[in-house]
Protein backbone atom coordinates (compact mmCIF):
# COMPACT_ATOMS: atom_id res chain seq x y z
CA MET A 1 -2.09 13.76 26.09
CA LYS A 2 -0.55 13.57 22.77
CA GLU A 3 -2.26 12.63 19.85
CA GLU A 4 -1.04 9.43 18.48
CA ILE A 5 -0.75 8.95 14.32
CA TRP A 6 -4.21 5.85 13.92
CA ILE A 7 -1.90 4.06 11.77
CA GLU A 8 0.42 3.26 14.84
CA LYS A 9 -2.17 3.24 17.63
CA TYR A 10 -4.15 0.77 15.79
CA ARG A 11 -1.39 -1.34 14.26
CA PRO A 12 -2.09 -5.06 15.12
CA MET A 13 -0.36 -6.70 17.77
CA LYS A 14 -1.43 -10.40 16.88
CA LEU A 15 -1.84 -12.40 14.18
CA ASP A 16 -5.84 -12.62 14.25
CA ASP A 17 -5.47 -8.57 14.12
CA VAL A 18 -4.35 -8.59 10.85
CA VAL A 19 -6.71 -8.73 8.17
CA GLY A 20 -7.39 -9.17 4.06
CA GLN A 21 -4.95 -11.87 4.03
CA LYS A 22 -6.52 -15.24 5.77
CA GLU A 23 -4.40 -17.43 3.79
CA ALA A 24 -0.99 -16.16 4.61
CA ILE A 25 -2.02 -15.68 8.06
CA GLU A 26 -3.01 -18.90 8.72
CA ARG A 27 0.18 -20.38 7.08
CA LEU A 28 2.05 -18.34 9.76
CA LYS A 29 0.31 -19.33 12.89
CA SER A 30 1.87 -22.64 12.17
CA TYR A 31 5.50 -21.03 12.41
CA VAL A 32 4.67 -19.42 15.85
CA LYS A 33 2.73 -22.31 17.43
CA THR A 34 5.74 -24.59 16.94
CA ARG A 35 8.22 -21.35 17.49
CA ASN A 36 10.42 -22.05 14.73
CA LEU A 37 10.65 -19.41 12.13
CA PRO A 38 12.40 -19.56 8.24
CA HIS A 39 13.81 -16.80 6.56
CA LEU A 40 10.38 -14.71 4.90
CA LEU A 41 10.17 -12.74 2.31
CA PHE A 42 6.83 -10.86 2.39
CA SER A 43 6.00 -9.32 -1.32
CA GLY A 44 2.98 -6.78 -1.79
CA PRO A 45 1.90 -2.90 -2.54
CA PRO A 46 2.11 -0.53 0.37
CA GLY A 47 -0.42 -0.65 3.26
CA VAL A 48 -1.71 -4.45 3.12
CA GLY A 49 -0.37 -5.74 6.40
CA LYS A 50 3.10 -6.75 5.64
CA THR A 51 4.75 -4.87 8.32
CA ALA A 52 2.17 -5.52 10.81
CA THR A 53 2.44 -8.93 10.36
CA ALA A 54 5.96 -9.30 10.99
CA VAL A 55 5.65 -7.12 14.17
CA ALA A 56 2.71 -9.31 15.10
CA ILE A 57 4.90 -12.68 14.74
CA ALA A 58 7.94 -10.96 16.97
CA HIS A 59 4.60 -9.79 19.75
CA GLU A 60 3.46 -13.59 19.56
CA LEU A 61 6.95 -15.17 19.69
CA PHE A 62 9.00 -13.23 22.22
CA GLY A 63 6.15 -11.67 24.55
CA ASP A 64 7.77 -8.77 26.62
CA SER A 65 10.94 -9.20 25.40
CA TRP A 66 10.10 -8.67 21.68
CA ASN A 67 11.87 -5.17 21.61
CA GLU A 68 15.35 -6.58 22.62
CA ASN A 69 15.28 -9.43 19.80
CA PHE A 70 13.21 -7.46 16.90
CA THR A 71 14.74 -4.70 15.04
CA GLU A 72 13.29 -3.06 12.04
CA LEU A 73 15.60 -1.46 8.87
CA ASN A 74 14.60 0.44 6.49
CA ALA A 75 16.39 -0.43 3.23
CA SER A 76 15.08 3.00 1.19
CA ASP A 77 17.12 5.23 4.05
CA GLU A 78 20.39 2.70 3.62
CA ARG A 79 20.73 0.68 1.03
CA GLY A 80 24.42 0.05 0.60
CA ILE A 81 26.64 -2.51 1.28
CA ASP A 82 27.89 -1.14 4.59
CA VAL A 83 24.46 -0.80 6.70
CA VAL A 84 24.51 -4.85 6.18
CA ARG A 85 28.19 -5.23 6.97
CA THR A 86 27.56 -3.13 10.24
CA LYS A 87 24.30 -2.85 11.48
CA ILE A 88 22.71 -6.02 10.30
CA LYS A 89 25.59 -8.17 11.06
CA ASN A 90 26.49 -6.26 14.65
CA PHE A 91 22.81 -7.42 15.76
CA ALA A 92 22.91 -10.70 13.72
CA LYS A 93 25.96 -12.01 15.87
CA THR A 94 24.37 -11.04 18.99
CA SER A 95 22.68 -13.80 21.54
CA PRO A 96 19.16 -14.00 21.94
CA ILE A 97 17.98 -12.07 25.13
CA GLY A 98 14.91 -13.82 27.78
CA GLY A 99 15.28 -17.15 26.49
CA ALA A 100 14.35 -17.40 22.77
CA ASP A 101 15.64 -19.50 20.52
CA PHE A 102 16.35 -16.48 18.12
CA LYS A 103 16.21 -13.11 17.18
CA ILE A 104 14.61 -11.33 14.25
CA ILE A 105 16.04 -8.80 11.80
CA PHE A 106 13.07 -7.45 9.95
CA LEU A 107 14.25 -5.41 6.32
CA ASP A 108 11.39 -2.98 5.16
CA GLU A 109 11.61 -2.52 1.27
CA ALA A 110 14.29 -4.51 0.99
CA ASP A 111 13.77 -4.19 -2.77
CA ALA A 112 15.47 -0.63 -2.59
CA LEU A 113 18.90 -2.58 -1.39
CA THR A 114 21.59 -2.46 -4.11
CA SER A 115 23.04 -6.06 -5.66
CA ASP A 116 25.81 -5.72 -3.86
CA ALA A 117 24.13 -5.04 -0.50
CA GLN A 118 21.91 -7.51 -1.37
CA SER A 119 25.09 -10.12 -1.96
CA ALA A 120 26.35 -9.27 1.17
CA LEU A 121 22.85 -9.60 3.07
CA ARG A 122 22.89 -13.38 1.31
CA ARG A 123 25.86 -14.34 3.45
CA THR A 124 24.96 -12.85 6.47
CA MET A 125 21.79 -14.69 6.18
CA GLU A 126 24.10 -18.18 5.84
CA ARG A 127 26.30 -17.48 8.70
CA TYR A 128 23.95 -16.35 11.28
CA THR A 129 20.95 -18.26 10.74
CA GLY A 130 21.75 -20.27 13.86
CA ASN A 131 20.24 -17.27 16.33
CA CYS A 132 18.62 -14.93 13.85
CA ARG A 133 15.74 -14.62 11.45
CA PHE A 134 15.19 -12.26 8.70
CA ILE A 135 12.19 -10.97 7.40
CA LEU A 136 12.67 -9.00 4.34
CA SER A 137 9.42 -6.99 2.96
CA CYS A 138 9.22 -5.71 -0.57
CA ASN A 139 6.80 -3.99 -3.39
CA TYR A 140 8.25 -6.22 -5.91
CA SER A 141 9.84 -9.78 -5.28
CA SER A 142 11.42 -9.94 -8.97
CA LYS A 143 13.98 -6.73 -7.47
CA ILE A 144 15.19 -9.35 -4.93
CA ILE A 145 18.18 -11.75 -6.41
CA GLU A 146 17.41 -15.04 -6.59
CA PRO A 147 19.81 -16.87 -4.05
CA ILE A 148 17.88 -14.39 -1.08
CA GLN A 149 14.06 -15.77 -2.45
CA SER A 150 15.93 -19.37 -2.55
CA ARG A 151 16.09 -19.12 1.46
CA CYS A 152 13.62 -17.43 2.12
CA ALA A 153 9.61 -19.05 2.18
CA VAL A 154 7.64 -16.37 -0.30
CA TYR A 155 4.42 -14.73 0.90
CA ARG A 156 2.71 -12.72 -1.25
CA PHE A 157 0.29 -10.24 0.26
CA ARG A 158 -2.58 -8.95 -2.34
CA PRO A 159 -4.49 -5.28 -1.96
CA LEU A 160 -7.09 -5.63 0.65
CA ALA A 161 -10.87 -6.32 -0.36
CA ASP A 162 -13.14 -3.45 0.32
CA GLU A 163 -14.85 -5.22 3.45
CA PRO A 164 -11.74 -5.90 5.26
CA VAL A 165 -10.74 -2.47 4.97
CA LYS A 166 -14.38 -0.90 5.88
CA GLU A 167 -14.68 -3.47 8.69
CA ARG A 168 -11.50 -2.07 10.45
CA ILE A 169 -12.70 1.54 9.83
CA ARG A 170 -15.91 1.03 11.05
CA TYR A 171 -13.75 -0.35 14.22
CA VAL A 172 -11.46 1.96 14.72
CA ALA A 173 -14.75 4.70 14.43
CA ASP A 174 -16.59 3.56 17.19
CA ALA A 175 -13.00 2.89 19.21
CA GLU A 176 -12.58 6.98 19.05
CA GLY A 177 -16.21 7.68 18.77
CA ILE A 178 -16.44 9.05 15.39
CA LYS A 179 -19.93 9.06 13.35
CA LEU A 180 -19.57 7.44 10.04
CA ALA A 181 -22.49 7.85 7.21
CA ASP A 182 -22.57 4.79 5.08
CA ASP A 183 -21.75 6.25 1.91
CA ALA A 184 -18.53 7.90 3.91
CA ILE A 185 -17.27 4.23 4.41
CA ASP A 186 -17.86 3.31 0.77
CA ALA A 187 -15.94 6.79 -0.20
CA ILE A 188 -12.80 5.87 1.99
CA GLY A 189 -12.81 2.44 0.61
CA TYR A 190 -13.26 4.06 -2.77
CA VAL A 191 -9.65 6.36 -1.93
CA ALA A 192 -7.97 3.53 -0.16
CA GLN A 193 -7.85 0.95 -3.12
CA GLY A 194 -6.61 -1.81 -0.68
CA ASP A 195 -4.15 0.21 1.03
CA MET A 196 -5.16 0.06 4.67
CA ARG A 197 -2.73 2.82 5.42
CA LYS A 198 -4.43 5.24 3.19
CA ALA A 199 -7.42 4.39 4.75
CA LEU A 200 -7.11 5.09 8.21
CA ASN A 201 -5.06 8.13 7.66
CA ALA A 202 -8.11 9.36 5.39
CA LEU A 203 -10.34 8.98 8.55
CA GLN A 204 -8.21 10.54 10.75
CA ALA A 205 -7.67 13.70 8.75
CA ALA A 206 -11.38 13.93 8.24
CA ALA A 207 -11.73 13.56 11.65
CA MET A 208 -10.09 16.26 12.65
CA PHE A 209 -12.90 18.70 10.72
CA ASP A 210 -16.14 16.68 12.48
CA GLU A 211 -17.23 14.30 14.58
CA THR A 212 -19.53 12.88 11.80
CA ILE A 213 -17.82 12.24 8.63
CA GLN A 214 -19.56 12.20 5.35
CA LYS A 215 -18.50 11.17 1.90
CA GLU A 216 -17.64 15.08 0.88
CA MET A 217 -15.34 15.48 3.32
CA ILE A 218 -13.42 12.37 2.65
CA TYR A 219 -12.98 13.30 -1.42
CA LYS A 220 -11.83 16.93 -0.28
CA ILE A 221 -9.46 15.63 2.19
CA THR A 222 -8.03 13.23 0.22
CA ALA A 223 -7.97 15.31 -3.19
CA THR A 224 -10.15 12.97 -4.80
CA ALA A 225 -12.59 13.13 -7.06
CA HIS A 226 -15.94 11.78 -6.57
CA PRO A 227 -16.21 8.79 -9.16
CA ASP A 228 -19.71 10.15 -10.53
CA GLU A 229 -17.96 13.33 -11.71
CA ILE A 230 -15.17 11.58 -13.31
CA LYS A 231 -18.10 9.70 -15.14
CA THR A 232 -19.88 12.55 -16.05
CA LEU A 233 -16.01 13.60 -17.88
CA ILE A 234 -15.66 10.37 -19.66
CA ASN A 235 -19.46 10.60 -21.27
CA ILE A 236 -19.28 14.37 -21.98
CA ALA A 237 -16.01 13.51 -23.85
CA LEU A 238 -17.76 10.13 -25.58
CA ASP A 239 -20.76 12.30 -26.99
CA GLY A 240 -18.45 14.72 -28.83
CA ASN A 241 -18.25 18.11 -27.17
CA PHE A 242 -14.79 18.42 -26.70
CA SER A 243 -15.28 22.28 -24.90
CA ALA A 244 -17.35 21.07 -22.13
CA ALA A 245 -15.12 18.32 -21.32
CA ARG A 246 -12.09 20.44 -21.35
CA GLU A 247 -13.83 22.67 -18.98
CA LYS A 248 -14.80 19.95 -16.55
CA LEU A 249 -10.90 18.69 -16.51
CA ASP A 250 -9.66 22.10 -15.41
CA THR A 251 -12.29 22.49 -12.95
CA LEU A 252 -11.33 18.99 -11.29
CA MET A 253 -7.75 20.10 -11.47
CA LEU A 254 -8.29 23.75 -10.14
CA GLU A 255 -10.65 23.49 -7.76
CA GLN A 256 -10.26 20.18 -6.27
CA GLY A 257 -6.33 20.08 -6.65
CA LEU A 258 -6.10 16.91 -8.75
CA SER A 259 -3.11 15.93 -9.92
CA GLY A 260 -2.70 14.31 -13.68
CA GLU A 261 -1.83 11.17 -12.17
CA ASP A 262 -4.73 11.13 -10.16
CA VAL A 263 -6.87 12.03 -12.69
CA VAL A 264 -5.91 9.35 -15.24
CA GLY A 265 -5.67 6.77 -12.60
CA GLN A 266 -9.59 7.57 -11.82
CA ILE A 267 -10.27 7.82 -15.39
CA TYR A 268 -9.38 4.20 -15.51
CA ARG A 269 -11.09 2.94 -13.13
CA ALA A 270 -13.88 4.71 -14.35
CA MET A 271 -14.06 3.02 -17.38
CA PHE A 272 -15.43 -0.61 -16.12
CA GLY A 273 -18.24 0.83 -15.06
CA LEU A 274 -19.47 2.29 -18.10
CA ASP A 275 -21.04 0.95 -20.92
CA ILE A 276 -18.48 0.90 -23.35
CA PRO A 277 -18.36 -1.91 -26.16
CA ASP A 278 -15.47 -4.25 -25.98
CA LYS A 279 -13.30 -3.03 -28.89
CA LYS A 280 -13.75 0.80 -27.92
CA LEU A 281 -12.79 -0.13 -24.21
CA VAL A 282 -9.78 -1.74 -25.54
CA GLU A 283 -8.93 1.22 -27.76
CA LEU A 284 -9.39 3.80 -25.27
CA ILE A 285 -7.50 1.84 -22.16
CA ASP A 286 -4.27 1.42 -24.62
CA VAL A 287 -4.27 5.42 -24.75
CA ILE A 288 -4.88 5.86 -21.08
CA GLY A 289 -1.68 3.95 -20.73
CA GLU A 290 0.26 5.70 -22.87
CA ILE A 291 -0.59 9.01 -21.46
CA ASP A 292 -0.47 7.59 -18.10
CA PHE A 293 3.33 6.69 -19.15
CA ARG A 294 3.99 10.31 -20.43
CA ILE A 295 2.86 12.01 -17.40
CA THR A 296 4.58 9.52 -15.35
CA GLU A 297 7.63 10.17 -17.80
CA GLY A 298 7.66 14.12 -17.35
CA ALA A 299 5.48 15.40 -19.64
CA ASN A 300 3.00 18.40 -19.43
CA GLU A 301 -0.48 17.02 -17.19
CA LYS A 302 -2.93 19.64 -18.93
CA ILE A 303 -1.46 18.83 -22.51
CA GLN A 304 -1.67 15.19 -22.22
CA LEU A 305 -5.11 15.05 -20.15
CA GLN A 306 -6.47 17.14 -23.02
CA ALA A 307 -4.89 14.81 -25.82
CA LEU A 308 -6.64 11.76 -23.49
CA LEU A 309 -10.05 13.74 -23.83
CA ALA A 310 -9.60 14.23 -27.54
CA HIS A 311 -8.76 10.48 -27.93
CA PHE A 312 -12.27 9.59 -25.75
CA VAL A 313 -14.10 12.77 -28.38
CA ILE A 314 -12.28 11.20 -31.59
CA ALA A 315 -13.78 7.74 -30.69
CA ASN A 316 -17.20 8.15 -30.64
CA SER A 317 -17.16 10.33 -34.16
């Protein structure tokens, strides 16, 4: 049997199965109950349930005929005006199937659409609203033009809390017959950062190697440093030992395969768990932000990270 990707295999098919977005789901259920739907705009980071919610709505509204009455397009693949004029319009103007009152077009990553395409989409939404509803999904609602936002009920999906992620991981592990050490569940929560897709991918990758999953396996597979190692790196630098901090950084980057962006992100997360006076913490966070920006803009990772460590050394001198 062909091995399925777990993020698809365990994708929620009912609104009740979508975890971590209780308030949004409760309000969306009322639409399903009345069998009427406005245009919707789902905004939030990746892996928090936007696509799962759209598919679950289609399943609950249309039942077995959901495939015929629901289409999903990814705007980052085809972001120009032609996709609105052809694919979207052709689907929107055909009648619903199986006695449904309307069809649903789910437009993923709608913030990737050009402004011209969004203007054309606005007109399409107006014209075919009688037999078609739009669900738009985006990471940043600010990139969606105001006329589209005003035509949609906007739902903001937040990053998932640790507990819903861990609960789902336990469920999938039980279903797949995998043994999870408690610290491995914590490690998956740390790595995922509220992204369910990232959590399930980490679990599946680890399950390929062993039926019992330990935390070290999770960090290794996801190219993530153990949080304690990052704290050690910071403390060495704050103690004024630049050479030792530099060696520790080289070990993290060369032996564990971390990118500069990963290291900066983990240093930032670790800062709030250390006993650093507020004034010094503010100064160091400001420097971290500057280094992160430089790396994002293409500066040399090694030089920038060593510069960050130098700031840490100076801060305590």
